C-alpha cells in the first residue's frame, strides 16, 4: 500500500457521514438562536429597569391632583415601585405598585411599559404644610444571579398648595 492510498483511506475514515452533516446544519441554527437569546437575557437580568418618568398635572399639589409614574422594564423579573411625597423631614408613601415580568422571561425580550396614577386626597396632603416639597418615584428590581440591581429613582420638586 502506498502512502497516497494510505492517506486517502485515512481521509475517508475521518470524513463525517452525510447524516452527521445534516444533523449539524439542523442543530447549528438552533444553537445560534439560543446563544443570542441568552446574551440578551443576560443583559436584561443586569439592567431590569430602563426608565422611570414622573409627572403631575399641575405644578402645585392640591386635593385631586393626579401624579403619574411611567416605568419601562426589561420584563425579566417583577419590579416593585413606590411613589413618595417628601417635605423636609416628613415623608409619606402615596402609592405602591408592582409590574410583573413576562411568563417566559428568559426568552421574551420585549420591553414592558407600565403607567400608574395616584390621585392625591385632602387627608394625604393635610399631613404636610404649604410650601416646597419633592415627589419621588422608586423602581426596584429583583435578585438575578445573586445580584440585586440598584433602584432607579426619579424626583420632581413641586409646591404643596394651601388646603381649602
C-alpha atoms as a PDB file:
ATOM      1  CA  UNK A   1       0.000   0.000   0.000  1.00  0.00           C
ATOM      2  CA  UNK A   2       1.374   3.350  -0.996  1.00  0.00           C
ATOM      3  CA  UNK A   3       1.494   6.482   1.087  1.00  0.00           C
ATOM      4  CA  UNK A   4      -1.075   8.118  -1.164  1.00  0.00           C
ATOM      5  CA  UNK A   5      -3.536   5.257  -0.786  1.00  0.00           C
ATOM      6  CA  UNK A   6      -2.971   5.232   2.951  1.00  0.00           C
ATOM      7  CA  UNK A   7      -3.657   8.975   3.177  1.00  0.00           C
ATOM      8  CA  UNK A   8      -6.836   8.621   1.089  1.00  0.00           C
ATOM      9  CA  UNK A   9      -8.028   5.815   3.350  1.00  0.00           C
ATOM     10  CA  UNK A  10      -7.391   7.919   6.494  1.00  0.00           C
ATOM     11  CA  UNK A  11      -9.190  10.924   4.936  1.00  0.00           C
ATOM     12  CA  UNK A  12     -12.204   8.732   4.147  1.00  0.00           C
ATOM     13  CA  UNK A  13     -12.212   7.426   7.711  1.00  0.00           C
ATOM     14  CA  UNK A  14     -12.092  10.928   9.228  1.00  0.00           C
ATOM     15  CA  UNK A  15     -14.770  12.359   6.940  1.00  0.00           C
ATOM     16  CA  UNK A  16     -18.123  12.647   8.693  1.00  0.00           C
ATOM     17  CA  UNK A  17     -21.094  10.831   7.308  1.00  0.00           C
ATOM     18  CA  UNK A  18     -23.872  12.595   5.412  1.00  0.00           C
ATOM     19  CA  UNK A  19     -26.335  12.127   8.290  1.00  0.00           C
ATOM     20  CA  UNK A  20     -23.961  13.856  10.737  1.00  0.00           C
ATOM     21  CA  UNK A  21     -23.503  16.803   8.364  1.00  0.00           C
ATOM     22  CA  UNK A  22     -27.293  17.162   8.001  1.00  0.00           C
ATOM     23  CA  UNK A  23     -27.705  16.953  11.780  1.00  0.00           C
ATOM     24  CA  UNK A  24     -25.009  19.629  12.213  1.00  0.00           C
ATOM     25  CA  UNK A  25     -26.842  22.039   9.865  1.00  0.00           C
ATOM     26  CA  UNK A  26     -30.123  21.405  11.679  1.00  0.00           C
ATOM     27  CA  UNK A  27     -28.662  21.975  15.158  1.00  0.00           C
ATOM     28  CA  UNK A  28     -26.447  24.953  14.266  1.00  0.00           C
ATOM     29  CA  UNK A  29     -29.294  27.498  13.744  1.00  0.00           C
ATOM     30  CA  UNK A  30     -30.958  26.257  16.938  1.00  0.00           C
ATOM     31  CA  UNK A  31     -27.758  26.813  18.936  1.00  0.00           C
ATOM     32  CA  UNK A  32     -27.151  30.249  17.386  1.00  0.00           C
ATOM     33  CA  UNK A  33     -30.669  31.419  18.265  1.00  0.00           C
ATOM     34  CA  UNK A  34     -30.281  30.263  21.855  1.00  0.00           C
ATOM     35  CA  UNK A  35     -26.861  31.902  22.265  1.00  0.00           C
ATOM     36  CA  UNK A  36     -28.286  35.218  21.001  1.00  0.00           C
ATOM     37  CA  UNK A  37     -31.322  34.974  23.309  1.00  0.00           C
ATOM     38  CA  UNK A  38     -29.114  34.036  26.278  1.00  0.00           C
ATOM     39  CA  UNK A  39     -26.908  37.069  25.643  1.00  0.00           C
ATOM     40  CA  UNK A  40     -29.898  39.419  25.506  1.00  0.00           C
ATOM     41  CA  UNK A  41     -31.398  37.754  28.569  1.00  0.00           C
ATOM     42  CA  UNK A  42     -28.161  38.213  30.493  1.00  0.00           C
ATOM     43  CA  UNK A  43     -28.197  41.950  29.808  1.00  0.00           C
ATOM     44  CA  UNK A  44     -31.863  42.127  30.849  1.00  0.00           C
ATOM     45  CA  UNK A  45     -31.014  40.368  34.133  1.00  0.00           C
ATOM     46  CA  UNK A  46     -28.464  43.075  34.917  1.00  0.00           C
ATOM     47  CA  UNK A  47     -30.455  46.106  33.667  1.00  0.00           C
ATOM     48  CA  UNK A  48     -34.020  45.455  34.833  1.00  0.00           C
ATOM     49  CA  UNK A  49     -35.456  48.995  34.875  1.00  0.00           C
ATOM     50  CA  UNK A  50     -34.858  51.009  31.724  1.00  0.00           C
ATOM     51  CA  UNK A  51     -36.571  54.275  32.692  1.00  0.00           C
ATOM     52  CA  UNK A  52     -38.853  55.952  35.236  1.00  0.00           C
ATOM     53  CA  UNK A  53     -40.802  59.108  34.415  1.00  0.00           C
ATOM     54  CA  UNK A  54     -42.671  61.181  36.973  1.00  0.00           C
ATOM     55  CA  UNK A  55     -45.314  63.777  36.030  1.00  0.00           C
ATOM     56  CA  UNK A  56     -48.032  65.821  37.710  1.00  0.00           C
ATOM     57  CA  UNK A  57     -50.956  67.516  36.021  1.00  0.00           C
ATOM     58  CA  UNK A  58     -50.217  70.793  37.875  1.00  0.00           C
ATOM     59  CA  UNK A  59     -47.025  72.191  39.463  1.00  0.00           C
ATOM     60  CA  UNK A  60     -48.904  72.805  42.745  1.00  0.00           C
ATOM     61  CA  UNK A  61     -50.286  69.821  44.621  1.00  0.00           C
ATOM     62  CA  UNK A  62     -53.879  70.135  45.813  1.00  0.00           C
ATOM     63  CA  UNK A  63     -56.547  67.535  46.595  1.00  0.00           C
ATOM     64  CA  UNK A  64     -57.476  65.852  43.318  1.00  0.00           C
ATOM     65  CA  UNK A  65     -54.073  66.377  41.677  1.00  0.00           C
ATOM     66  CA  UNK A  66     -53.010  63.354  39.659  1.00  0.00           C
ATOM     67  CA  UNK A  67     -49.447  62.074  39.838  1.00  0.00           C
ATOM     68  CA  UNK A  68     -48.341  59.733  37.017  1.00  0.00           C
ATOM     69  CA  UNK A  69     -45.437  57.308  37.067  1.00  0.00           C
ATOM     70  CA  UNK A  70     -44.384  55.633  33.795  1.00  0.00           C
ATOM     71  CA  UNK A  71     -41.909  52.756  34.045  1.00  0.00           C
ATOM     72  CA  UNK A  72     -40.180  50.797  31.267  1.00  0.00           C
ATOM     73  CA  UNK A  73     -38.714  47.449  32.333  1.00  0.00           C
ATOM     74  CA  UNK A  74     -36.880  44.588  30.691  1.00  0.00           C
ATOM     75  CA  UNK A  75     -39.623  42.164  31.706  1.00  0.00           C
ATOM     76  CA  UNK A  76     -37.061  39.735  33.076  1.00  0.00           C
ATOM     77  CA  UNK A  77     -38.468  39.919  36.622  1.00  0.00           C
ATOM     78  CA  UNK A  78     -41.138  41.624  38.714  1.00  0.00           C
ATOM     79  CA  UNK A  79     -40.457  45.271  39.557  1.00  0.00           C
ATOM     80  CA  UNK A  80     -41.675  46.933  42.768  1.00  0.00           C
ATOM     81  CA  UNK A  81     -42.446  50.645  42.676  1.00  0.00           C
ATOM     82  CA  UNK A  82     -43.060  53.290  45.312  1.00  0.00           C
ATOM     83  CA  UNK A  83     -44.302  56.871  44.988  1.00  0.00           C
ATOM     84  CA  UNK A  84     -43.392  59.140  47.904  1.00  0.00           C
ATOM     85  CA  UNK A  85     -44.091  62.727  48.896  1.00  0.00           C
ATOM     86  CA  UNK A  86     -41.277  64.311  50.932  1.00  0.00           C
ATOM     87  CA  UNK A  87     -41.172  67.652  52.739  1.00  0.00           C
ATOM     88  CA  UNK A  88     -38.123  68.433  54.890  1.00  0.00           C
ATOM     89  CA  UNK A  89     -38.001  65.521  57.387  1.00  0.00           C
ATOM     90  CA  UNK A  90     -41.553  64.231  56.780  1.00  0.00           C
ATOM     91  CA  UNK A  91     -42.157  61.591  54.099  1.00  0.00           C
ATOM     92  CA  UNK A  92     -45.283  59.644  53.167  1.00  0.00           C
ATOM     93  CA  UNK A  93     -45.858  56.815  50.722  1.00  0.00           C
ATOM     94  CA  UNK A  94     -48.523  57.871  48.241  1.00  0.00           C
ATOM     95  CA  UNK A  95     -48.717  54.690  46.174  1.00  0.00           C
ATOM     96  CA  UNK A  96     -47.121  51.261  45.879  1.00  0.00           C
ATOM     97  CA  UNK A  97     -47.260  49.322  42.622  1.00  0.00           C
ATOM     98  CA  UNK A  98     -45.914  46.124  41.112  1.00  0.00           C
ATOM     99  CA  UNK A  99     -45.009  45.456  37.474  1.00  0.00           C
ATOM    100  CA  UNK A 100     -44.996  41.726  36.657  1.00  0.00           C
ATOM    101  CA  UNK A 101     -42.388  40.237  34.341  1.00  0.00           C
ATOM    102  CA  UNK A 102     -43.016  38.062  31.298  1.00  0.00           C
ATOM    103  CA  UNK A 103     -44.249  34.496  31.735  1.00  0.00           C
ATOM    104  CA  UNK A 104     -41.209  33.157  29.890  1.00  0.00           C
ATOM    105  CA  UNK A 105     -38.800  35.871  30.962  1.00  0.00           C
ATOM    106  CA  UNK A 106     -35.593  34.350  29.605  1.00  0.00           C
ATOM    107  CA  UNK A 107     -36.866  34.101  26.029  1.00  0.00           C
ATOM    108  CA  UNK A 108     -39.150  37.146  25.748  1.00  0.00           C
ATOM    109  CA  UNK A 109     -37.037  40.271  25.058  1.00  0.00           C
ATOM    110  CA  UNK A 110     -39.961  42.707  24.745  1.00  0.00           C
ATOM    111  CA  UNK A 111     -39.923  45.818  26.938  1.00  0.00           C
ATOM    112  CA  UNK A 112     -42.809  46.193  29.379  1.00  0.00           C
ATOM    113  CA  UNK A 113     -44.251  49.710  29.661  1.00  0.00           C
ATOM    114  CA  UNK A 114     -46.428  50.402  32.683  1.00  0.00           C
ATOM    115  CA  UNK A 115     -48.266  53.552  33.761  1.00  0.00           C
ATOM    116  CA  UNK A 116     -49.537  54.148  37.280  1.00  0.00           C
ATOM    117  CA  UNK A 117     -51.625  57.068  38.509  1.00  0.00           C
ATOM    118  CA  UNK A 118     -52.334  58.278  42.026  1.00  0.00           C
ATOM    119  CA  UNK A 119     -54.845  60.970  42.883  1.00  0.00           C
ATOM    120  CA  UNK A 120     -53.943  62.926  45.986  1.00  0.00           C
ATOM    121  CA  UNK A 121     -56.564  63.297  48.690  1.00  0.00           C
ATOM    122  CA  UNK A 122     -57.018  66.070  51.229  1.00  0.00           C
ATOM    123  CA  UNK A 123     -56.232  63.551  54.007  1.00  0.00           C
ATOM    124  CA  UNK A 124     -52.828  62.827  52.442  1.00  0.00           C
ATOM    125  CA  UNK A 125     -51.987  66.494  51.963  1.00  0.00           C
ATOM    126  CA  UNK A 126     -53.256  67.508  55.433  1.00  0.00           C
ATOM    127  CA  UNK A 127     -50.133  65.950  56.985  1.00  0.00           C
ATOM    128  CA  UNK A 128     -47.950  68.443  55.065  1.00  0.00           C
ATOM    129  CA  UNK A 129     -47.755  72.226  55.260  1.00  0.00           C
ATOM    130  CA  UNK A 130     -47.952  74.513  52.197  1.00  0.00           C
ATOM    131  CA  UNK A 131     -44.601  75.085  50.530  1.00  0.00           C
ATOM    132  CA  UNK A 132     -41.907  73.293  48.560  1.00  0.00           C
ATOM    133  CA  UNK A 133     -41.726  69.505  48.562  1.00  0.00           C
ATOM    134  CA  UNK A 134     -40.414  66.634  46.449  1.00  0.00           C
ATOM    135  CA  UNK A 135     -42.162  63.769  44.709  1.00  0.00           C
ATOM    136  CA  UNK A 136     -40.022  60.665  44.431  1.00  0.00           C
ATOM    137  CA  UNK A 137     -40.655  57.565  42.315  1.00  0.00           C
ATOM    138  CA  UNK A 138     -38.537  54.486  43.041  1.00  0.00           C
ATOM    139  CA  UNK A 139     -38.413  51.308  40.927  1.00  0.00           C
ATOM    140  CA  UNK A 140     -36.683  48.283  42.482  1.00  0.00           C
ATOM    141  CA  UNK A 141     -35.658  45.168  40.572  1.00  0.00           C
ATOM    142  CA  UNK A 142     -35.251  41.681  41.981  1.00  0.00           C
ATOM    143  CA  UNK A 143     -32.244  39.466  42.578  1.00  0.00           C
ATOM    144  CA  UNK A 144     -30.851  37.824  39.440  1.00  0.00           C
ATOM    145  CA  UNK A 145     -27.605  35.821  39.516  1.00  0.00           C
ATOM    146  CA  UNK A 146     -27.135  36.711  43.210  1.00  0.00           C
ATOM    147  CA  UNK A 147     -27.143  40.422  42.346  1.00  0.00           C
ATOM    148  CA  UNK A 148     -29.799  42.988  43.226  1.00  0.00           C
ATOM    149  CA  UNK A 149     -29.608  45.967  40.861  1.00  0.00           C
ATOM    150  CA  UNK A 150     -29.603  49.467  42.330  1.00  0.00           C
ATOM    151  CA  UNK A 151     -33.014  51.182  42.391  1.00  0.00           C
ATOM    152  CA  UNK A 152     -33.914  53.687  39.699  1.00  0.00           C
ATOM    153  CA  UNK A 153     -35.066  56.924  41.354  1.00  0.00           C
ATOM    154  CA  UNK A 154     -36.698  59.998  39.813  1.00  0.00           C
ATOM    155  CA  UNK A 155     -37.515  63.134  41.807  1.00  0.00           C
ATOM    156  CA  UNK A 156     -39.500  66.226  40.989  1.00  0.00           C
ATOM    157  CA  UNK A 157     -39.643  69.430  43.005  1.00  0.00           C
ATOM    158  CA  UNK A 158     -43.205  70.697  43.467  1.00  0.00           C
ATOM    159  CA  UNK A 159     -45.247  73.036  45.667  1.00  0.00           C
ATOM    160  CA  UNK A 160     -47.936  71.972  48.093  1.00  0.00           C
ATOM    161  CA  UNK A 161     -50.824  74.418  47.932  1.00  0.00           C
ATOM    162  CA  UNK A 162     -52.958  75.602  50.825  1.00  0.00           C
ATOM    163  CA  UNK A 163     -55.868  73.310  51.628  1.00  0.00           C
ATOM    164  CA  UNK A 164     -59.350  74.802  51.132  1.00  0.00           C
END
